[in-house]
Each structure stands twice: as C-alpha cells, then as structure tokens.
Amino acid sequence: MIRIVIVDDHDLVREGIRALLEQDPVFQVVGETGDGQEAIRMATRLRPDVLLMDVSLPGGIGGLEATEAIVADCPGVKVIILTQYEHREYIKRAIRIGARGYLLKRSVAAQLKDAIKTVYQGQRYLHPAAAEELAELVATGRALEEDDYDRLTPREKQVFKLLAEGKTSRDIAKYLTISLKTAMTHRTNLMAKLNMHSRAELIRYAIRKAIISLEGP
C-alpha cells in the first residue's frame, strides 16, 4: 500500500483527490493540509511514501519552499508537484530542489495514479508539457543552473515571498514568530543579495521567477 499526503490550499481539490485515490486499495491517504508549514510537519511525523504538493500556497512557505525542506529533512518522502502551472521556472526549481514528479492538475485520473506508482518505485514522472519545457531548457543550454535566488537562505526565501505578497516587516515578524529587527535584517540581506532597491522591483522579480503568480498566492 502506498501512503500519501495531499497538500493543496483548496478543500474541494483535496477532497476530490482523496476520493479518487481511495477508490483504489493500492493507495492510502494518511494526511492532508493546505499549509506549507504543516506539510513539513506532516512529512516529518507521518513519513508518507509520496506527498502531492501544490505550488501556490499562502504565507511564507510556498509549495516549492516546503518541498525543499521536506527533501532535505525527509529524503524517504518522494514529492510530486501537482499544479495548474506549467511555467518553466516552476519546473526548473522543482527538479533542482529534488521533486520526483511534476504533474498538471488537468491530467486525467490515470496519469495521477501512474505518477504516484512511478515515483514510489524510485523513478521520475514528468507531465508531457513539463518534459517538453525541460527539454527546451536543455536544448538552449539554460537547464538547471543556479541563480541569485537559489543562494538565499531558507528563511530569506520565506521573507522574500511574504514581501512579494505585500506583507510589511511587522506582518512578517508576527507570521514567522521572529523579532521585528530580525525580519528587517532578513529583508536588508536578501535585497542586497539580489541587488534590489525597491518592493516594486522585488515583486516584478518574484513574478518573473514564478515565486508568486499574477493571480495571487
């Protein structure tokens, strides 16, 4: 039996995936959440075989940030990104940080089940559209190289995402349970690392890098 955790901030999506998977005795859904921080805690506590992760989650821990933490702390948990986005920046970052699969939500039920089984067996699974994007990146010599964003610390990435979502330093301090001074220090450091001088510049970069979407968090 393959033990699965579902991470998506839409209740109906989680319920639909759970109902679909539980029709098959091969799958057992052992947990679900719509929060990135809780996803990390669930991965640590439940140690599922496969974790289905949405990209766009509210707050400082987005789907890719949560994936990065889970891959580092729980290497036995195989993460499949399950998203509506086929943006190449998402695909690049997902593969670079160790996601084992990338599937679009418009996929049919059979693809989802195949993806879970494939990843559970130790292989990778890419939706054809994602595979095509990755092949294009390889062909143009721009595959999975690091950039300035990848050199931010995990905490700086959280602060970056919250800033891009419009949060103030005081909001960030409260959300991350850190002091206002610490939040402001992280903000100063990440802006310096990215050579940025305004929030508008940061937001444009966040959209271009698919850290936030135009549709919002």
C-alpha atoms as a PDB file:
ATOM      1  CA  MET A   1       0.000   0.000   0.000  1.00  0.00           C
ATOM      2  CA  ILE A   2       1.287   3.467  -0.935  1.00  0.00           C
ATOM      3  CA  ARG A   3       0.836   6.010   1.871  1.00  0.00           C
ATOM      4  CA  ILE A   4       0.076   9.539   0.598  1.00  0.00           C
ATOM      5  CA  VAL A   5      -0.206  13.066   1.978  1.00  0.00           C
ATOM      6  CA  ILE A   6      -2.101  15.691  -0.065  1.00  0.00           C
ATOM      7  CA  VAL A   7      -1.096  19.371   0.158  1.00  0.00           C
ATOM      8  CA  ASP A   8      -3.398  21.907  -1.506  1.00  0.00           C
ATOM      9  CA  ASP A   9      -4.999  25.063  -0.120  1.00  0.00           C
ATOM     10  CA  HIS A  10      -8.374  24.296  -1.719  1.00  0.00           C
ATOM     11  CA  ASP A  11     -10.548  21.948   0.326  1.00  0.00           C
ATOM     12  CA  LEU A  12     -12.506  20.736  -2.703  1.00  0.00           C
ATOM     13  CA  VAL A  13      -9.326  19.821  -4.563  1.00  0.00           C
ATOM     14  CA  ARG A  14      -8.040  17.795  -1.620  1.00  0.00           C
ATOM     15  CA  GLU A  15     -11.385  16.073  -1.203  1.00  0.00           C
ATOM     16  CA  GLY A  16     -11.502  15.229  -4.909  1.00  0.00           C
ATOM     17  CA  ILE A  17      -8.004  13.768  -4.946  1.00  0.00           C
ATOM     18  CA  ARG A  18      -8.659  11.788  -1.778  1.00  0.00           C
ATOM     19  CA  ALA A  19     -11.903  10.363  -3.185  1.00  0.00           C
ATOM     20  CA  LEU A  20     -10.173   9.437  -6.436  1.00  0.00           C
ATOM     21  CA  LEU A  21      -7.250   7.689  -4.787  1.00  0.00           C
ATOM     22  CA  GLU A  22      -9.236   5.875  -2.140  1.00  0.00           C
ATOM     23  CA  GLN A  23     -11.227   4.068  -4.845  1.00  0.00           C
ATOM     24  CA  ASP A  24      -8.040   2.027  -5.366  1.00  0.00           C
ATOM     25  CA  PRO A  25      -6.850  -0.219  -2.496  1.00  0.00           C
ATOM     26  CA  VAL A  26      -3.254   0.405  -3.565  1.00  0.00           C
ATOM     27  CA  PHE A  27      -3.431   3.942  -2.136  1.00  0.00           C
ATOM     28  CA  GLN A  28      -3.957   5.161   1.411  1.00  0.00           C
ATOM     29  CA  VAL A  29      -4.305   8.893   2.128  1.00  0.00           C
ATOM     30  CA  VAL A  30      -2.787   9.360   5.587  1.00  0.00           C
ATOM     31  CA  GLY A  31      -2.979  13.156   5.815  1.00  0.00           C
ATOM     32  CA  GLU A  32      -3.867  16.385   4.085  1.00  0.00           C
ATOM     33  CA  THR A  33      -3.307  20.100   4.611  1.00  0.00           C
ATOM     34  CA  GLY A  34      -3.447  23.447   2.841  1.00  0.00           C
ATOM     35  CA  ASP A  35      -0.472  24.978   4.654  1.00  0.00           C
ATOM     36  CA  GLY A  36       3.231  24.708   3.761  1.00  0.00           C
ATOM     37  CA  GLN A  37       4.489  24.717   7.337  1.00  0.00           C
ATOM     38  CA  GLU A  38       2.032  21.993   8.309  1.00  0.00           C
ATOM     39  CA  ALA A  39       3.091  19.982   5.235  1.00  0.00           C
ATOM     40  CA  ILE A  40       6.665  19.928   6.545  1.00  0.00           C
ATOM     41  CA  ARG A  41       5.464  18.819   9.985  1.00  0.00           C
ATOM     42  CA  MET A  42       3.262  16.109   8.445  1.00  0.00           C
ATOM     43  CA  ALA A  43       6.118  14.773   6.334  1.00  0.00           C
ATOM     44  CA  THR A  44       8.294  14.548   9.431  1.00  0.00           C
ATOM     45  CA  ARG A  45       5.603  12.979  11.613  1.00  0.00           C
ATOM     46  CA  LEU A  46       3.842  10.642   9.163  1.00  0.00           C
ATOM     47  CA  ARG A  47       6.698   9.767   6.779  1.00  0.00           C
ATOM     48  CA  PRO A  48       4.381   9.085   3.804  1.00  0.00           C
ATOM     49  CA  ASP A  49       5.720   7.295   0.740  1.00  0.00           C
ATOM     50  CA  VAL A  50       4.527  10.051  -1.598  1.00  0.00           C
ATOM     51  CA  LEU A  51       3.489  13.647  -0.958  1.00  0.00           C
ATOM     52  CA  LEU A  52       1.395  15.524  -3.533  1.00  0.00           C
ATOM     53  CA  MET A  53       2.353  19.200  -3.333  1.00  0.00           C
ATOM     54  CA  ASP A  54       0.602  22.208  -4.836  1.00  0.00           C
ATOM     55  CA  VAL A  55       2.899  25.103  -5.773  1.00  0.00           C
ATOM     56  CA  SER A  56       0.724  28.048  -4.833  1.00  0.00           C
ATOM     57  CA  LEU A  57       0.217  28.078  -1.067  1.00  0.00           C
ATOM     58  CA  PRO A  58      -0.442  31.145   1.091  1.00  0.00           C
ATOM     59  CA  GLY A  59       2.128  32.521   3.521  1.00  0.00           C
ATOM     60  CA  GLY A  60       5.894  32.347   3.660  1.00  0.00           C
ATOM     61  CA  ILE A  61       6.133  28.620   2.932  1.00  0.00           C
ATOM     62  CA  GLY A  62       5.029  28.005  -0.645  1.00  0.00           C
ATOM     63  CA  GLY A  63       4.884  24.575  -2.213  1.00  0.00           C
ATOM     64  CA  LEU A  64       8.417  24.668  -3.574  1.00  0.00           C
ATOM     65  CA  GLU A  65       9.845  26.045  -0.330  1.00  0.00           C
ATOM     66  CA  ALA A  66       8.093  23.253   1.576  1.00  0.00           C
ATOM     67  CA  THR A  67       9.354  20.696  -0.939  1.00  0.00           C
ATOM     68  CA  GLU A  68      12.927  21.870  -0.471  1.00  0.00           C
ATOM     69  CA  ALA A  69      12.648  21.448   3.309  1.00  0.00           C
ATOM     70  CA  ILE A  70      10.992  18.026   3.036  1.00  0.00           C
ATOM     71  CA  VAL A  71      13.550  16.688   0.573  1.00  0.00           C
ATOM     72  CA  ALA A  72      16.353  17.826   2.894  1.00  0.00           C
ATOM     73  CA  ASP A  73      14.847  16.558   6.144  1.00  0.00           C
ATOM     74  CA  CYS A  74      12.855  13.525   4.969  1.00  0.00           C
ATOM     75  CA  PRO A  75      14.702  12.029   1.972  1.00  0.00           C
ATOM     76  CA  GLY A  76      12.475   8.949   2.015  1.00  0.00           C
ATOM     77  CA  VAL A  77       9.400  11.066   1.240  1.00  0.00           C
ATOM     78  CA  LYS A  78       9.000  11.408  -2.526  1.00  0.00           C
ATOM     79  CA  VAL A  79       7.357  14.667  -3.594  1.00  0.00           C
ATOM     80  CA  ILE A  80       5.229  15.113  -6.706  1.00  0.00           C
ATOM     81  CA  ILE A  81       4.395  18.696  -7.638  1.00  0.00           C
ATOM     82  CA  LEU A  82       0.708  18.808  -8.596  1.00  0.00           C
ATOM     83  CA  THR A  83      -0.151  22.215 -10.009  1.00  0.00           C
ATOM     84  CA  GLN A  84      -2.084  24.131 -12.642  1.00  0.00           C
ATOM     85  CA  TYR A  85       1.099  25.895 -13.755  1.00  0.00           C
ATOM     86  CA  GLU A  86       3.441  24.709 -16.496  1.00  0.00           C
ATOM     87  CA  HIS A  87       5.694  27.768 -16.135  1.00  0.00           C
ATOM     88  CA  ARG A  88       9.287  26.687 -16.833  1.00  0.00           C
ATOM     89  CA  GLU A  89      10.585  28.470 -13.721  1.00  0.00           C
ATOM     90  CA  TYR A  90       8.411  26.226 -11.556  1.00  0.00           C
ATOM     91  CA  ILE A  91       9.633  23.158 -13.422  1.00  0.00           C
ATOM     92  CA  LYS A  92      13.293  24.180 -13.154  1.00  0.00           C
ATOM     93  CA  ARG A  93      13.058  24.898  -9.442  1.00  0.00           C
ATOM     94  CA  ALA A  94      11.035  21.763  -8.718  1.00  0.00           C
ATOM     95  CA  ILE A  95      13.565  19.458 -10.387  1.00  0.00           C
ATOM     96  CA  ARG A  96      16.538  21.330  -8.927  1.00  0.00           C
ATOM     97  CA  ILE A  97      15.323  21.032  -5.341  1.00  0.00           C
ATOM     98  CA  GLY A  98      14.588  17.330  -5.629  1.00  0.00           C
ATOM     99  CA  ALA A  99      10.919  16.837  -6.532  1.00  0.00           C
ATOM    100  CA  ARG A 100      10.483  13.396  -8.084  1.00  0.00           C
ATOM    101  CA  GLY A 101       7.499  14.289 -10.251  1.00  0.00           C
ATOM    102  CA  TYR A 102       5.711  17.205 -11.881  1.00  0.00           C
ATOM    103  CA  LEU A 103       2.068  16.795 -12.848  1.00  0.00           C
ATOM    104  CA  LEU A 104      -0.553  19.262 -14.058  1.00  0.00           C
ATOM    105  CA  LYS A 105      -3.972  19.344 -12.406  1.00  0.00           C
ATOM    106  CA  ARG A 106      -5.624  18.989 -15.790  1.00  0.00           C
ATOM    107  CA  SER A 107      -4.143  15.492 -16.013  1.00  0.00           C
ATOM    108  CA  VAL A 108      -6.553  12.583 -16.136  1.00  0.00           C
ATOM    109  CA  ALA A 109      -7.002  10.307 -13.142  1.00  0.00           C
ATOM    110  CA  ALA A 110      -4.947   7.533 -14.716  1.00  0.00           C
ATOM    111  CA  GLN A 111      -1.951   9.870 -15.047  1.00  0.00           C
ATOM    112  CA  LEU A 112      -2.091  10.784 -11.372  1.00  0.00           C
ATOM    113  CA  LYS A 113      -2.154   7.143 -10.329  1.00  0.00           C
ATOM    114  CA  ASP A 114       0.648   6.280 -12.756  1.00  0.00           C
ATOM    115  CA  ALA A 115       2.725   9.195 -11.468  1.00  0.00           C
ATOM    116  CA  ILE A 116       2.373   8.065  -7.851  1.00  0.00           C
ATOM    117  CA  LYS A 117       3.257   4.455  -8.675  1.00  0.00           C
ATOM    118  CA  THR A 118       6.211   5.509 -10.836  1.00  0.00           C
ATOM    119  CA  VAL A 119       7.670   7.826  -8.217  1.00  0.00           C
ATOM    120  CA  TYR A 120       7.045   5.275  -5.446  1.00  0.00           C
ATOM    121  CA  GLN A 121       9.158   2.804  -7.435  1.00  0.00           C
ATOM    122  CA  GLY A 122      12.078   5.241  -7.444  1.00  0.00           C
ATOM    123  CA  GLN A 123      11.677   6.755 -10.904  1.00  0.00           C
ATOM    124  CA  ARG A 124      10.763  10.265 -12.039  1.00  0.00           C
ATOM    125  CA  TYR A 125       7.476  11.279 -13.639  1.00  0.00           C
ATOM    126  CA  LEU A 126       7.009  14.428 -15.697  1.00  0.00           C
ATOM    127  CA  HIS A 127       3.790  15.512 -17.359  1.00  0.00           C
ATOM    128  CA  PRO A 128       4.445  15.708 -21.143  1.00  0.00           C
ATOM    129  CA  ALA A 129       4.107  19.511 -21.085  1.00  0.00           C
ATOM    130  CA  ALA A 130       6.656  19.757 -18.268  1.00  0.00           C
ATOM    131  CA  ALA A 131       9.001  17.355 -20.043  1.00  0.00           C
ATOM    132  CA  GLU A 132       8.791  19.477 -23.188  1.00  0.00           C
ATOM    133  CA  GLU A 133       9.640  22.640 -21.245  1.00  0.00           C
ATOM    134  CA  LEU A 134      12.606  20.925 -19.597  1.00  0.00           C
ATOM    135  CA  ALA A 135      13.825  19.591 -22.931  1.00  0.00           C
ATOM    136  CA  GLU A 136      13.675  23.120 -24.360  1.00  0.00           C
ATOM    137  CA  LEU A 137      15.767  24.417 -21.471  1.00  0.00           C
ATOM    138  CA  VAL A 138      18.362  21.709 -22.018  1.00  0.00           C
ATOM    139  CA  ALA A 139      18.435  22.375 -25.771  1.00  0.00           C
ATOM    140  CA  THR A 140      19.075  26.076 -25.204  1.00  0.00           C
ATOM    141  CA  GLY A 141      21.767  25.442 -22.588  1.00  0.00           C
ATOM    142  CA  ARG A 142      19.744  27.019 -19.760  1.00  0.00           C
ATOM    143  CA  ALA A 143      18.736  23.872 -17.924  1.00  0.00           C
ATOM    144  CA  LEU A 144      19.132  23.856 -14.151  1.00  0.00           C
ATOM    145  CA  GLU A 145      21.827  26.396 -13.386  1.00  0.00           C
ATOM    146  CA  GLU A 146      21.586  28.243 -10.081  1.00  0.00           C
ATOM    147  CA  ASP A 147      20.773  31.936  -9.899  1.00  0.00           C
ATOM    148  CA  ASP A 148      20.877  34.588  -7.178  1.00  0.00           C
ATOM    149  CA  TYR A 149      17.547  33.470  -5.688  1.00  0.00           C
ATOM    150  CA  ASP A 150      18.919  29.981  -5.034  1.00  0.00           C
ATOM    151  CA  ARG A 151      21.655  31.487  -2.894  1.00  0.00           C
ATOM    152  CA  LEU A 152      19.167  32.922  -0.402  1.00  0.00           C
ATOM    153  CA  THR A 153      18.798  31.063   2.884  1.00  0.00           C
ATOM    154  CA  PRO A 154      15.513  29.207   3.532  1.00  0.00           C
ATOM    155  CA  ARG A 155      14.433  31.974   5.933  1.00  0.00           C
ATOM    156  CA  GLU A 156      15.318  34.692   3.414  1.00  0.00           C
ATOM    157  CA  LYS A 157      13.200  32.888   0.820  1.00  0.00           C
ATOM    158  CA  GLN A 158      10.272  32.916   3.226  1.00  0.00           C
ATOM    159  CA  VAL A 159      10.707  36.637   3.888  1.00  0.00           C
ATOM    160  CA  PHE A 160      11.077  37.278   0.157  1.00  0.00           C
ATOM    161  CA  LYS A 161       7.784  35.531  -0.629  1.00  0.00           C
ATOM    162  CA  LEU A 162       5.941  37.381   2.115  1.00  0.00           C
ATOM    163  CA  LEU A 163       7.340  40.715   0.935  1.00  0.00           C
ATOM    164  CA  ALA A 164       6.275  39.903  -2.616  1.00  0.00           C
ATOM    165  CA  GLU A 165       2.761  39.160  -1.320  1.00  0.00           C
ATOM    166  CA  GLY A 166       2.623  42.674   0.162  1.00  0.00           C
ATOM    167  CA  LYS A 167       3.358  41.931   3.823  1.00  0.00           C
ATOM    168  CA  THR A 168       5.125  44.542   5.976  1.00  0.00           C
ATOM    169  CA  SER A 169       8.164  43.764   8.110  1.00  0.00           C
ATOM    170  CA  ARG A 170       5.877  43.803  11.153  1.00  0.00           C
ATOM    171  CA  ASP A 171       3.489  41.325   9.475  1.00  0.00           C
ATOM    172  CA  ILE A 172       6.426  39.084   8.608  1.00  0.00           C
ATOM    173  CA  ALA A 173       7.798  39.161  12.145  1.00  0.00           C
ATOM    174  CA  LYS A 174       4.423  38.088  13.516  1.00  0.00           C
ATOM    175  CA  TYR A 175       3.858  35.361  10.906  1.00  0.00           C
ATOM    176  CA  LEU A 176       7.327  33.821  11.300  1.00  0.00           C
ATOM    177  CA  THR A 177       7.422  34.376  15.077  1.00  0.00           C
ATOM    178  CA  ILE A 178      10.638  36.389  14.937  1.00  0.00           C
ATOM    179  CA  SER A 179      11.524  39.866  16.165  1.00  0.00           C
ATOM    180  CA  LEU A 180      10.852  42.918  14.027  1.00  0.00           C
ATOM    181  CA  LYS A 181      14.592  43.624  13.995  1.00  0.00           C
ATOM    182  CA  THR A 182      15.320  40.123  12.686  1.00  0.00           C
ATOM    183  CA  ALA A 183      12.664  40.454   9.981  1.00  0.00           C
ATOM    184  CA  MET A 184      14.143  43.777   8.877  1.00  0.00           C
ATOM    185  CA  THR A 185      17.650  42.269   8.843  1.00  0.00           C
ATOM    186  CA  HIS A 186      16.487  39.415   6.610  1.00  0.00           C
ATOM    187  CA  ARG A 187      14.825  41.955   4.314  1.00  0.00           C
ATOM    188  CA  THR A 188      18.009  44.035   4.081  1.00  0.00           C
ATOM    189  CA  ASN A 189      20.194  40.989   3.439  1.00  0.00           C
ATOM    190  CA  LEU A 190      18.027  39.467   0.721  1.00  0.00           C
ATOM    191  CA  MET A 191      17.623  42.797  -1.063  1.00  0.00           C
ATOM    192  CA  ALA A 192      21.403  43.170  -1.066  1.00  0.00           C
ATOM    193  CA  LYS A 193      21.971  39.620  -2.348  1.00  0.00           C
ATOM    194  CA  LEU A 194      19.514  40.211  -5.198  1.00  0.00           C
ATOM    195  CA  ASN A 195      20.795  43.751  -5.830  1.00  0.00           C
ATOM    196  CA  MET A 196      17.313  45.218  -5.433  1.00  0.00           C
ATOM    197  CA  HIS A 197      16.325  48.629  -4.137  1.00  0.00           C
ATOM    198  CA  SER A 198      12.506  48.690  -4.009  1.00  0.00           C
ATOM    199  CA  ARG A 199       9.491  46.496  -3.314  1.00  0.00           C
ATOM    200  CA  ALA A 200       8.222  47.080  -6.876  1.00  0.00           C
ATOM    201  CA  GLU A 201      11.468  45.659  -8.230  1.00  0.00           C
ATOM    202  CA  LEU A 202      11.161  42.701  -5.861  1.00  0.00           C
ATOM    203  CA  ILE A 203       7.570  41.983  -6.953  1.00  0.00           C
ATOM    204  CA  ARG A 204       8.496  42.084 -10.647  1.00  0.00           C
ATOM    205  CA  TYR A 205      11.317  39.641  -9.979  1.00  0.00           C
ATOM    206  CA  ALA A 206       9.035  37.367  -7.930  1.00  0.00           C
ATOM    207  CA  ILE A 207       6.506  37.194 -10.774  1.00  0.00           C
ATOM    208  CA  ARG A 208       9.201  36.593 -13.389  1.00  0.00           C
ATOM    209  CA  LYS A 209      10.711  33.798 -11.287  1.00  0.00           C
ATOM    210  CA  ALA A 210       7.252  32.329 -10.565  1.00  0.00           C
ATOM    211  CA  ILE A 211       7.681  32.768  -6.812  1.00  0.00           C
ATOM    212  CA  ILE A 212       4.260  34.374  -6.836  1.00  0.00           C
ATOM    213  CA  SER A 213       1.726  34.313  -9.635  1.00  0.00           C
ATOM    214  CA  LEU A 214      -0.211  37.139 -11.229  1.00  0.00           C
ATOM    215  CA  GLU A 215      -3.354  35.501  -9.861  1.00  0.00           C
ATOM    216  CA  GLY A 216      -2.070  35.948  -6.318  1.00  0.00           C
ATOM    217  CA  PRO A 217      -0.977  33.485  -3.657  1.00  0.00           C
END
